[in-house]
C-alpha atoms as a PDB file:
ATOM      1  CA  MET A   1      -8.499  13.282  10.749  1.00  0.00           C
ATOM      2  CA  TYR A   2      -5.158  11.949  12.036  1.00  0.00           C
ATOM      3  CA  PHE A   3      -2.425  14.469  11.203  1.00  0.00           C
ATOM      4  CA  GLY A   4       0.234  12.926   9.047  1.00  0.00           C
ATOM      5  CA  PHE A   5      -1.208   9.386   8.996  1.00  0.00           C
ATOM      6  CA  GLY A   6      -2.306   9.535   5.354  1.00  0.00           C
ATOM      7  CA  GLU A   7       0.962  11.168   4.299  1.00  0.00           C
ATOM      8  CA  ILE A   8       3.022   8.499   6.063  1.00  0.00           C
ATOM      9  CA  ALA A   9       0.933   5.782   4.398  1.00  0.00           C
ATOM     10  CA  ALA A  10       1.519   7.409   1.005  1.00  0.00           C
ATOM     11  CA  LEU A  11       5.278   7.560   1.545  1.00  0.00           C
ATOM     12  CA  ALA A  12       5.315   3.933   2.676  1.00  0.00           C
ATOM     13  CA  THR A  13       3.375   3.061  -0.488  1.00  0.00           C
ATOM     14  CA  ALA A  14       5.996   4.786  -2.634  1.00  0.00           C
ATOM     15  CA  VAL A  15       8.793   2.879  -0.874  1.00  0.00           C
ATOM     16  CA  SER A  16       6.894  -0.408  -1.222  1.00  0.00           C
ATOM     17  CA  TRP A  17       6.175   0.054  -4.923  1.00  0.00           C
ATOM     18  CA  ALA A  18       9.669   1.336  -5.680  1.00  0.00           C
ATOM     19  CA  GLY A  19      11.157  -1.784  -4.101  1.00  0.00           C
ATOM     20  CA  SER A  20       8.715  -4.156  -5.762  1.00  0.00           C
ATOM     21  CA  CYS A  21       9.386  -2.479  -9.114  1.00  0.00           C
ATOM     22  CA  GLN A  22      13.043  -3.448  -8.824  1.00  0.00           C
ATOM     23  CA  VAL A  23      12.164  -7.052  -8.013  1.00  0.00           C
ATOM     24  CA  HIS A  24       9.431  -7.321 -10.654  1.00  0.00           C
ATOM     25  CA  THR A  25      11.931  -6.097 -13.236  1.00  0.00           C
ATOM     26  CA  LEU A  26      13.942  -9.270 -12.693  1.00  0.00           C
ATOM     27  CA  VAL A  27      10.934 -11.287 -13.861  1.00  0.00           C
ATOM     28  CA  VAL A  28      10.120  -8.940 -16.746  1.00  0.00           C
ATOM     29  CA  ARG A  29      13.631  -9.425 -18.123  1.00  0.00           C
ATOM     30  CA  GLN A  30      13.013 -13.162 -18.285  1.00  0.00           C
ATOM     31  CA  VAL A  31       9.401 -13.475 -19.446  1.00  0.00           C
ATOM     32  CA  GLY A  32       8.197 -10.019 -20.565  1.00  0.00           C
ATOM     33  CA  THR A  33       5.772  -7.496 -19.100  1.00  0.00           C
ATOM     34  CA  LEU A  34       2.426  -9.099 -19.964  1.00  0.00           C
ATOM     35  CA  SER A  35       3.589 -12.531 -18.816  1.00  0.00           C
ATOM     36  CA  MET A  36       4.712 -11.083 -15.495  1.00  0.00           C
ATOM     37  CA  LEU A  37       1.397  -9.281 -15.009  1.00  0.00           C
ATOM     38  CA  VAL A  38      -0.558 -12.432 -15.839  1.00  0.00           C
ATOM     39  CA  ALA A  39       1.547 -14.737 -13.662  1.00  0.00           C
ATOM     40  CA  ARG A  40       1.377 -12.600 -10.533  1.00  0.00           C
ATOM     41  CA  VAL A  41      -2.434 -12.306 -10.473  1.00  0.00           C
ATOM     42  CA  PRO A  42      -3.067 -15.450  -8.350  1.00  0.00           C
ATOM     43  CA  LEU A  43      -0.404 -14.389  -5.837  1.00  0.00           C
ATOM     44  CA  PHE A  44      -1.732 -10.856  -5.579  1.00  0.00           C
ATOM     45  CA  VAL A  45      -5.322 -11.992  -5.118  1.00  0.00           C
ATOM     46  CA  CYS A  46      -4.317 -14.545  -2.468  1.00  0.00           C
ATOM     47  CA  PHE A  47      -2.180 -12.018  -0.597  1.00  0.00           C
ATOM     48  CA  MET A  48      -4.947  -9.422  -0.544  1.00  0.00           C
ATOM     49  CA  ALA A  49      -7.572 -12.004   0.434  1.00  0.00           C
ATOM     50  CA  LEU A  50      -5.361 -13.145   3.334  1.00  0.00           C
ATOM     51  CA  ILE A  51      -4.733  -9.565   4.485  1.00  0.00           C
ATOM     52  CA  SER A  52      -8.470  -8.810   4.326  1.00  0.00           C
ATOM     53  CA  PHE A  53      -9.242 -11.949   6.357  1.00  0.00           C
ATOM     54  CA  VAL A  54      -6.564 -11.413   9.011  1.00  0.00           C
ATOM     55  CA  SER A  55      -7.418  -7.726   9.459  1.00  0.00           C
ATOM     56  CA  GLN A  56     -11.118  -8.605   9.715  1.00  0.00           C
ATOM     57  CA  THR A  57     -11.870  -5.597   7.564  1.00  0.00           C
ATOM     58  CA  SER A  58     -15.419  -4.751   6.646  1.00  0.00           C
ATOM     59  CA  THR A  59     -16.533  -6.309   3.370  1.00  0.00           C
ATOM     60  CA  ASN A  60     -19.445  -3.930   3.000  1.00  0.00           C
ATOM     61  CA  THR A  61     -19.668  -3.191  -0.732  1.00  0.00           C
ATOM     62  CA  PRO A  62     -22.235  -0.578  -1.770  1.00  0.00           C
ATOM     63  CA  VAL A  63     -23.130  -0.781  -5.445  1.00  0.00           C
ATOM     64  CA  ASP A  64     -21.985   2.757  -6.195  1.00  0.00           C
ATOM     65  CA  GLY A  65     -18.720   2.148  -4.334  1.00  0.00           C
ATOM     66  CA  LEU A  66     -18.100  -1.038  -6.317  1.00  0.00           C
ATOM     67  CA  ILE A  67     -18.663   0.876  -9.544  1.00  0.00           C
ATOM     68  CA  PHE A  68     -16.139   3.545  -8.510  1.00  0.00           C
ATOM     69  CA  ILE A  69     -13.541   0.944  -7.512  1.00  0.00           C
ATOM     70  CA  SER A  70     -14.071  -0.951 -10.787  1.00  0.00           C
ATOM     71  CA  VAL A  71     -13.575   2.219 -12.821  1.00  0.00           C
ATOM     72  CA  SER A  72     -10.431   2.963 -10.793  1.00  0.00           C
ATOM     73  CA  ALA A  73      -9.026  -0.480 -11.607  1.00  0.00           C
ATOM     74  CA  CYS A  74      -9.804  -0.027 -15.313  1.00  0.00           C
ATOM     75  CA  MET A  75      -8.229   3.428 -15.403  1.00  0.00           C
ATOM     76  CA  VAL A  76      -5.002   2.485 -13.643  1.00  0.00           C
ATOM     77  CA  ILE A  77      -4.368  -1.108 -14.735  1.00  0.00           C
ATOM     78  CA  VAL A  78      -5.792  -1.116 -18.249  1.00  0.00           C
ATOM     79  CA  ALA A  79      -5.691   2.429 -19.627  1.00  0.00           C
ATOM     80  CA  GLY A  80      -2.847   3.815 -17.516  1.00  0.00           C
ATOM     81  CA  ASP A  81      -0.404   0.941 -17.911  1.00  0.00           C
ATOM     82  CA  LEU A  82      -1.047   0.353 -21.601  1.00  0.00           C
ATOM     83  CA  LEU A  83      -0.686   4.049 -22.436  1.00  0.00           C
ATOM     84  CA  LEU A  84       2.412   4.430 -20.291  1.00  0.00           C
ATOM     85  CA  TYR A  85       4.158   1.420 -21.864  1.00  0.00           C
ATOM     86  CA  TYR A  86       3.359   2.770 -25.340  1.00  0.00           C
ATOM     87  CA  ALA A  87       4.794   6.166 -24.388  1.00  0.00           C
ATOM     88  CA  CYS A  88       7.934   4.547 -22.965  1.00  0.00           C
ATOM     89  CA  VAL A  89       8.518   2.739 -26.243  1.00  0.00           C
ATOM     90  CA  THR A  90       7.992   5.799 -28.444  1.00  0.00           C
ATOM     91  CA  ILE A  91       9.396   8.813 -26.558  1.00  0.00           C
ATOM     92  CA  GLY A  92      11.531   7.010 -23.978  1.00  0.00           C
ATOM     93  CA  PRO A  93      10.930   6.121 -20.332  1.00  0.00           C
ATOM     94  CA  ARG A  94      12.420   9.315 -18.867  1.00  0.00           C
ATOM     95  CA  LEU A  95      10.044  11.682 -20.651  1.00  0.00           C
ATOM     96  CA  ALA A  96       7.124   9.303 -20.115  1.00  0.00           C
ATOM     97  CA  VAL A  97       7.729   9.050 -16.350  1.00  0.00           C
ATOM     98  CA  LEU A  98       8.240  12.813 -16.086  1.00  0.00           C
ATOM     99  CA  ILE A  99       4.903  13.504 -17.780  1.00  0.00           C
ATOM    100  CA  LEU A 100       3.256  10.831 -15.618  1.00  0.00           C
ATOM    101  CA  SER A 101       4.421  12.658 -12.482  1.00  0.00           C
ATOM    102  CA  MET A 102       2.177  15.562 -13.520  1.00  0.00           C
ATOM    103  CA  SER A 103      -0.796  13.378 -12.598  1.00  0.00           C
ATOM    104  CA  SER A 104      -0.363  14.739  -9.058  1.00  0.00           C
ATOM    105  CA  CYS A 105      -1.394  18.204 -10.243  1.00  0.00           C
ATOM    106  CA  PHE A 106      -4.384  16.776 -12.139  1.00  0.00           C
ATOM    107  CA  THR A 107      -5.393  14.789  -9.050  1.00  0.00           C
ATOM    108  CA  ALA A 108      -5.195  17.864  -6.819  1.00  0.00           C
ATOM    109  CA  ILE A 109      -7.357  19.837  -9.266  1.00  0.00           C
ATOM    110  CA  ALA A 110      -9.861  16.978  -9.581  1.00  0.00           C
ATOM    111  CA  GLY A 111     -10.030  16.646  -5.794  1.00  0.00           C
ATOM    112  CA  TYR A 112     -10.801  20.365  -5.492  1.00  0.00           C
ATOM    113  CA  VAL A 113     -13.423  20.373  -8.266  1.00  0.00           C
ATOM    114  CA  PHE A 114     -15.234  17.094  -7.544  1.00  0.00           C
ATOM    115  CA  LEU A 115     -14.590  16.480  -3.847  1.00  0.00           C
ATOM    116  CA  GLY A 116     -14.219  20.001  -2.479  1.00  0.00           C
ATOM    117  CA  GLU A 117     -10.734  19.283  -1.105  1.00  0.00           C
ATOM    118  CA  THR A 118      -8.422  22.199  -0.312  1.00  0.00           C
ATOM    119  CA  ILE A 119      -4.667  21.882   0.069  1.00  0.00           C
ATOM    120  CA  GLY A 120      -3.539  25.437   0.808  1.00  0.00           C
ATOM    121  CA  ILE A 121      -0.654  27.517  -0.526  1.00  0.00           C
ATOM    122  CA  ILE A 122       2.047  25.577   1.330  1.00  0.00           C
ATOM    123  CA  GLY A 123       0.573  22.273   0.173  1.00  0.00           C
ATOM    124  CA  ILE A 124       0.500  23.427  -3.448  1.00  0.00           C
ATOM    125  CA  ALA A 125       4.095  24.650  -3.145  1.00  0.00           C
ATOM    126  CA  GLY A 126       5.044  21.282  -1.675  1.00  0.00           C
ATOM    127  CA  ILE A 127       3.444  19.417  -4.588  1.00  0.00           C
ATOM    128  CA  LEU A 128       5.254  21.575  -7.154  1.00  0.00           C
ATOM    129  CA  THR A 129       8.567  21.264  -5.285  1.00  0.00           C
ATOM    130  CA  ALA A 130       8.258  17.476  -5.060  1.00  0.00           C
ATOM    131  CA  ILE A 131       7.430  17.241  -8.774  1.00  0.00           C
ATOM    132  CA  GLY A 132      10.421  19.498  -9.467  1.00  0.00           C
ATOM    133  CA  GLY A 133      12.667  17.069  -7.607  1.00  0.00           C
ATOM    134  CA  VAL A 134      11.301  14.167  -9.642  1.00  0.00           C
ATOM    135  CA  ALA A 135      11.833  16.146 -12.864  1.00  0.00           C
ATOM    136  CA  PHE A 136      15.394  17.030 -11.870  1.00  0.00           C
ATOM    137  CA  VAL A 137      16.211  13.370 -11.284  1.00  0.00           C
ATOM    138  CA  THR A 138      14.299  12.056 -14.305  1.00  0.00           C
ATOM    139  CA  LEU A 139      16.007  14.445 -16.719  1.00  0.00           C
ATOM    140  CA  GLU A 140      19.472  13.589 -15.418  1.00  0.00           C
ATOM    141  CA  SER A 141      22.056  14.435 -18.064  1.00  0.00           C
ATOM    142  CA  GLY A 142      23.600  10.972 -17.917  1.00  0.00           C
ATOM    143  CA  GLU A 143      21.277  10.041 -20.750  1.00  0.00           C
ATOM    144  CA  ASN A 144      20.444  12.518 -23.473  1.00  0.00           C
ATOM    145  CA  ILE A 145      16.684  12.899 -23.799  1.00  0.00           C
ATOM    146  CA  SER A 146      17.002  13.917 -27.443  1.00  0.00           C
ATOM    147  CA  SER A 147      18.419  10.484 -28.239  1.00  0.00           C
ATOM    148  CA  ASP A 148      15.055   8.960 -27.306  1.00  0.00           C
ATOM    149  CA  LEU A 149      13.379  11.087 -29.978  1.00  0.00           C
ATOM    150  CA  ALA A 150      16.053  10.974 -32.685  1.00  0.00           C
ATOM    151  CA  PHE A 151      14.808   7.966 -34.610  1.00  0.00           C
ATOM    152  CA  ILE A 152      11.029   8.366 -34.588  1.00  0.00           C
ATOM    153  CA  SER A 153       8.758  10.257 -36.949  1.00  0.00           C
ATOM    154  CA  PRO A 154       6.894  13.455 -35.962  1.00  0.00           C
ATOM    155  CA  SER A 155       3.600  11.549 -35.958  1.00  0.00           C
ATOM    156  CA  GLN A 156       5.046   8.958 -33.568  1.00  0.00           C
ATOM    157  CA  LYS A 157       6.298  11.736 -31.308  1.00  0.00           C
ATOM    158  CA  LYS A 158       2.819  13.231 -31.176  1.00  0.00           C
ATOM    159  CA  LYS A 159       1.278   9.850 -30.406  1.00  0.00           C
ATOM    160  CA  GLY A 160       3.891   9.148 -27.737  1.00  0.00           C
ATOM    161  CA  PHE A 161       3.397  12.467 -25.981  1.00  0.00           C
ATOM    162  CA  ALA A 162      -0.387  12.109 -26.257  1.00  0.00           C
ATOM    163  CA  ALA A 163      -0.188   8.619 -24.743  1.00  0.00           C
ATOM    164  CA  ALA A 164       1.952   9.869 -21.843  1.00  0.00           C
ATOM    165  CA  TRP A 165      -0.409  12.737 -21.042  1.00  0.00           C
ATOM    166  CA  CYS A 166      -3.416  10.419 -21.335  1.00  0.00           C
ATOM    167  CA  ALA A 167      -1.683   7.983 -18.969  1.00  0.00           C
ATOM    168  CA  ALA A 168      -1.243  10.817 -16.461  1.00  0.00           C
ATOM    169  CA  LEU A 169      -4.927  11.711 -16.789  1.00  0.00           C
ATOM    170  CA  ALA A 170      -5.939   8.052 -16.425  1.00  0.00           C
ATOM    171  CA  LEU A 171      -3.845   7.676 -13.256  1.00  0.00           C
ATOM    172  CA  SER A 172      -5.359  10.854 -11.855  1.00  0.00           C
ATOM    173  CA  ALA A 173      -8.876   9.625 -12.647  1.00  0.00           C
ATOM    174  CA  GLY A 174      -8.018   6.272 -11.065  1.00  0.00           C
ATOM    175  CA  PHE A 175      -7.050   7.984  -7.816  1.00  0.00           C
ATOM    176  CA  LEU A 176     -10.182  10.144  -7.903  1.00  0.00           C
ATOM    177  CA  PHE A 177     -12.514   7.173  -8.392  1.00  0.00           C
ATOM    178  CA  LEU A 178     -10.658   5.266  -5.670  1.00  0.00           C
ATOM    179  CA  LYS A 179     -11.331   8.121  -3.241  1.00  0.00           C
ATOM    180  CA  MET A 180     -14.982   8.220  -4.315  1.00  0.00           C
ATOM    181  CA  GLY A 181     -15.260   4.481  -3.681  1.00  0.00           C
ATOM    182  CA  LEU A 182     -13.826   4.970  -0.199  1.00  0.00           C
ATOM    183  CA  LEU A 183     -16.221   7.823   0.510  1.00  0.00           C
ATOM    184  CA  ALA A 184     -19.092   5.584  -0.614  1.00  0.00           C
ATOM    185  CA  GLY A 185     -18.388   3.291   2.331  1.00  0.00           C
ATOM    186  CA  ILE A 186     -15.865   0.689   1.134  1.00  0.00           C
ATOM    187  CA  SER A 187     -13.047   0.121   3.644  1.00  0.00           C
ATOM    188  CA  PRO A 188      -9.483   0.843   2.393  1.00  0.00           C
ATOM    189  CA  ILE A 189      -8.210  -2.741   2.726  1.00  0.00           C
ATOM    190  CA  TRP A 190     -11.297  -4.246   1.108  1.00  0.00           C
ATOM    191  CA  SER A 191     -11.030  -1.719  -1.727  1.00  0.00           C
ATOM    192  CA  SER A 192      -7.458  -2.970  -2.306  1.00  0.00           C
ATOM    193  CA  PHE A 193      -8.679  -6.533  -2.660  1.00  0.00           C
ATOM    194  CA  LEU A 194     -11.439  -5.477  -5.056  1.00  0.00           C
ATOM    195  CA  ARG A 195      -9.057  -3.434  -7.222  1.00  0.00           C
ATOM    196  CA  ILE A 196      -6.549  -6.279  -7.438  1.00  0.00           C
ATOM    197  CA  ALA A 197      -9.246  -8.863  -8.201  1.00  0.00           C
ATOM    198  CA  ILE A 198     -10.944  -6.707 -10.833  1.00  0.00           C
ATOM    199  CA  GLY A 199      -7.657  -5.580 -12.361  1.00  0.00           C
ATOM    200  CA  GLY A 200      -6.375  -9.163 -12.422  1.00  0.00           C
ATOM    201  CA  ALA A 201      -9.530 -10.327 -14.155  1.00  0.00           C
ATOM    202  CA  ILE A 202      -9.071  -7.635 -16.798  1.00  0.00           C
ATOM    203  CA  ILE A 203      -5.430  -8.627 -17.362  1.00  0.00           C
ATOM    204  CA  TRP A 204      -6.381 -12.281 -17.719  1.00  0.00           C
ATOM    205  CA  CYS A 205      -9.122 -11.356 -20.205  1.00  0.00           C
ATOM    206  CA  ILE A 206      -6.551  -9.444 -22.281  1.00  0.00           C
ATOM    207  CA  ALA A 207      -4.177 -12.428 -22.225  1.00  0.00           C
ATOM    208  CA  LEU A 208      -7.041 -14.788 -23.065  1.00  0.00           C
ATOM    209  CA  ALA A 209      -8.076 -12.618 -26.012  1.00  0.00           C
ATOM    210  CA  ARG A 210      -4.478 -12.778 -27.262  1.00  0.00           C
ATOM    211  CA  GLN A 211      -4.466 -16.558 -26.690  1.00  0.00           C
ATOM    212  CA  GLN A 212      -1.547 -16.242 -24.280  1.00  0.00           C
ATOM    213  CA  LEU A 213      -3.136 -17.039 -20.905  1.00  0.00           C
ATOM    214  CA  LEU A 214      -2.548 -20.796 -20.602  1.00  0.00           C
ATOM    215  CA  SER A 215       0.875 -20.774 -22.247  1.00  0.00           C
ATOM    216  CA  THR A 216       2.017 -17.914 -20.005  1.00  0.00           C
ATOM    217  CA  LEU A 217       0.839 -19.617 -16.817  1.00  0.00           C
ATOM    218  CA  ARG A 218       2.431 -22.882 -17.900  1.00  0.00           C
ATOM    219  CA  THR A 219       5.773 -21.223 -18.679  1.00  0.00           C
ATOM    220  CA  THR A 220       6.059 -19.046 -15.568  1.00  0.00           C
ATOM    221  CA  TRP A 221       4.527 -21.269 -12.894  1.00  0.00           C
ATOM    222  CA  THR A 222       6.677 -24.266 -13.828  1.00  0.00           C
ATOM    223  CA  ASN A 223       9.837 -22.192 -13.290  1.00  0.00           C
ATOM    224  CA  LEU A 224      10.582 -22.311  -9.561  1.00  0.00           C
ATOM    225  CA  SER A 225      13.073 -19.430  -9.642  1.00  0.00           C
ATOM    226  CA  ILE A 226      10.511 -17.121 -11.269  1.00  0.00           C
ATOM    227  CA  VAL A 227       7.833 -18.146  -8.777  1.00  0.00           C
ATOM    228  CA  LYS A 228      10.170 -17.354  -5.860  1.00  0.00           C
ATOM    229  CA  VAL A 229      10.962 -13.887  -7.207  1.00  0.00           C
ATOM    230  CA  LEU A 230       7.281 -13.204  -7.930  1.00  0.00           C
ATOM    231  CA  PHE A 231       6.343 -14.310  -4.421  1.00  0.00           C
ATOM    232  CA  PHE A 232       8.868 -11.925  -2.884  1.00  0.00           C
ATOM    233  CA  ALA A 233       7.834  -9.073  -5.193  1.00  0.00           C
ATOM    234  CA  CYS A 234       4.144  -9.560  -4.399  1.00  0.00           C
ATOM    235  CA  CYS A 235       4.908  -9.574  -0.671  1.00  0.00           C
ATOM    236  CA  ILE A 236       6.556  -6.170  -0.971  1.00  0.00           C
ATOM    237  CA  SER A 237       3.970  -4.740  -3.351  1.00  0.00           C
ATOM    238  CA  ALA A 238       1.036  -5.954  -1.232  1.00  0.00           C
ATOM    239  CA  ILE A 239       2.089  -3.487   1.469  1.00  0.00           C
ATOM    240  CA  GLY A 240       1.708  -0.608  -0.972  1.00  0.00           C
ATOM    241  CA  ASN A 241      -1.565  -1.989  -2.314  1.00  0.00           C
ATOM    242  CA  VAL A 242      -2.969  -1.901   1.227  1.00  0.00           C
ATOM    243  CA  LEU A 243      -1.549   1.491   2.167  1.00  0.00           C
ATOM    244  CA  ALA A 244      -2.444   3.397  -1.039  1.00  0.00           C
ATOM    245  CA  PRO A 245      -6.208   3.440  -0.284  1.00  0.00           C
ATOM    246  CA  VAL A 246      -5.399   4.191   3.365  1.00  0.00           C
ATOM    247  CA  ALA A 247      -3.434   7.235   2.198  1.00  0.00           C
ATOM    248  CA  MET A 248      -6.304   8.308  -0.041  1.00  0.00           C
ATOM    249  CA  TYR A 249      -8.762   7.879   2.844  1.00  0.00           C
ATOM    250  CA  TYR A 250      -6.852   9.923   5.418  1.00  0.00           C
ATOM    251  CA  THR A 251      -5.509  12.775   3.299  1.00  0.00           C
ATOM    252  CA  GLU A 252      -6.341  14.785   0.192  1.00  0.00           C
ATOM    253  CA  THR A 253      -6.065  12.916  -3.089  1.00  0.00           C
ATOM    254  CA  GLY A 254      -3.563  15.392  -4.556  1.00  0.00           C
ATOM    255  CA  ILE A 255      -1.237  15.073  -1.551  1.00  0.00           C
ATOM    256  CA  ALA A 256      -1.437  11.278  -1.550  1.00  0.00           C
ATOM    257  CA  ALA A 257      -0.859  11.096  -5.321  1.00  0.00           C
ATOM    258  CA  THR A 258       2.192  13.369  -5.037  1.00  0.00           C
ATOM    259  CA  LEU A 259       3.828  11.323  -2.285  1.00  0.00           C
ATOM    260  CA  ILE A 260       3.042   8.002  -3.987  1.00  0.00           C
ATOM    261  CA  GLY A 261       4.461   9.444  -7.221  1.00  0.00           C
ATOM    262  CA  LEU A 262       7.886   9.940  -5.636  1.00  0.00           C
ATOM    263  CA  GLN A 263       8.918   6.434  -6.695  1.00  0.00           C
ATOM    264  CA  PRO A 264      11.529   7.663  -9.257  1.00  0.00           C
ATOM    265  CA  VAL A 265      13.289   9.481  -6.400  1.00  0.00           C
ATOM    266  CA  ILE A 266      12.883   6.806  -3.734  1.00  0.00           C
ATOM    267  CA  ILE A 267      14.140   4.141  -6.115  1.00  0.00           C
ATOM    268  CA  ILE A 268      17.560   5.853  -6.224  1.00  0.00           C
ATOM    269  CA  PRO A 269      18.764   4.746  -2.762  1.00  0.00           C
ATOM    270  CA  ILE A 270      17.152   1.331  -3.278  1.00  0.00           C
ATOM    271  CA  SER A 271      19.050   0.848  -6.542  1.00  0.00           C
ATOM    272  CA  ALA A 272      22.235   2.102  -4.894  1.00  0.00           C
ATOM    273  CA  LEU A 273      21.910  -0.545  -2.188  1.00  0.00           C
ATOM    274  CA  ILE A 274      21.094  -3.346  -4.633  1.00  0.00           C
ATOM    275  CA  ASP A 275      23.705  -2.436  -7.250  1.00  0.00           C
ATOM    276  CA  ARG A 276      26.239  -1.101  -4.693  1.00  0.00           C
ATOM    277  CA  THR A 277      26.696   2.128  -6.604  1.00  0.00           C
ATOM    278  CA  ILE A 278      26.942   5.755  -5.509  1.00  0.00           C
ATOM    279  CA  PRO A 279      24.138   8.034  -6.807  1.00  0.00           C
ATOM    280  CA  SER A 280      25.224  10.928  -9.004  1.00  0.00           C
ATOM    281  CA  PRO A 281      25.315  14.465  -7.544  1.00  0.00           C
ATOM    282  CA  ARG A 282      22.300  15.397  -9.676  1.00  0.00           C
ATOM    283  CA  ALA A 283      20.314  12.455  -8.310  1.00  0.00           C
ATOM    284  CA  ILE A 284      21.213  13.454  -4.754  1.00  0.00           C
ATOM    285  CA  ILE A 285      20.199  17.084  -5.351  1.00  0.00           C
ATOM    286  CA  GLY A 286      16.918  16.031  -6.963  1.00  0.00           C
ATOM    287  CA  THR A 287      16.202  13.746  -4.015  1.00  0.00           C
ATOM    288  CA  LEU A 288      16.836  16.597  -1.563  1.00  0.00           C
ATOM    289  CA  ILE A 289      14.503  18.872  -3.557  1.00  0.00           C
ATOM    290  CA  ALA A 290      11.794  16.205  -3.501  1.00  0.00           C
ATOM    291  CA  PHE A 291      12.193  15.710   0.238  1.00  0.00           C
ATOM    292  CA  ALA A 292      11.958  19.468   0.734  1.00  0.00           C
ATOM    293  CA  GLY A 293       8.585  19.245  -1.000  1.00  0.00           C
ATOM    294  CA  ILE A 294       7.634  16.401   1.334  1.00  0.00           C
ATOM    295  CA  ALA A 295       8.524  18.571   4.342  1.00  0.00           C
ATOM    296  CA  MET A 296       6.318  21.371   3.026  1.00  0.00           C
ATOM    297  CA  ILE A 297       3.447  18.946   2.553  1.00  0.00           C
ATOM    298  CA  PHE A 298       3.738  17.739   6.143  1.00  0.00           C
ATOM    299  CA  LEU A 299       3.964  21.308   7.440  1.00  0.00           C
ATOM    300  CA  ARG A 300       1.029  22.680   5.447  1.00  0.00           C
END
């Protein structure tokens, strides 16, 4: 095992996805979430196919590995995203993202139970510290969390919280099945292509069932400005899509999931650069706490 290689890949994934999230948001504001997800599928598949070809990665695909990768794609892209978006609408994005960050703990437990992975006391402390930093930033007092819950019924609150926790479990299961697919003999880069292709097919099937596929493609792909932004966003995101399985392959699933889950913290300096704003003291403190957790993870 190469010390630190998986952790560095996980951090790079978080940076990649945090940046692409900012760029993808520009498209979402114009066409909506589902339309953005549908429109970017061809770009994502082409990018990953090109990366797989250039890297000359092994395309060996054992049946059991393919099953694990397919389940991972279903868990993350279908179940995870749909549940998370529902939670964001009902209980607010801050609480939803905070609960989602707990998937790191679930992943660490699942890795120990099903894969026999051990992290150690310092590693566990690092995970909890990093999650604490994310929580500190996510619950920033600039927006009152109670306002997200003020206008919904108790039953909606229960459904929203249940959806958020289920999204965290789905993300954790997605990481676990990804690691199992890698252990079955599928190379990290090839697993990225398979996940994107399978996930894209699922998204297109959902759009087709809602009779939105052709109209969405026609609307987005005839708008040159949207295509340019999507192209740039997919370029950035493709880096994370390649490195996430690499991180899972070279380090424990719980550690990789924790570092990848630092996007809410990493997005702070990215937003500051884009919007030319100064982060709040609370955001800076939360970032420092999260990076202290990162240091503990590297020193475990």
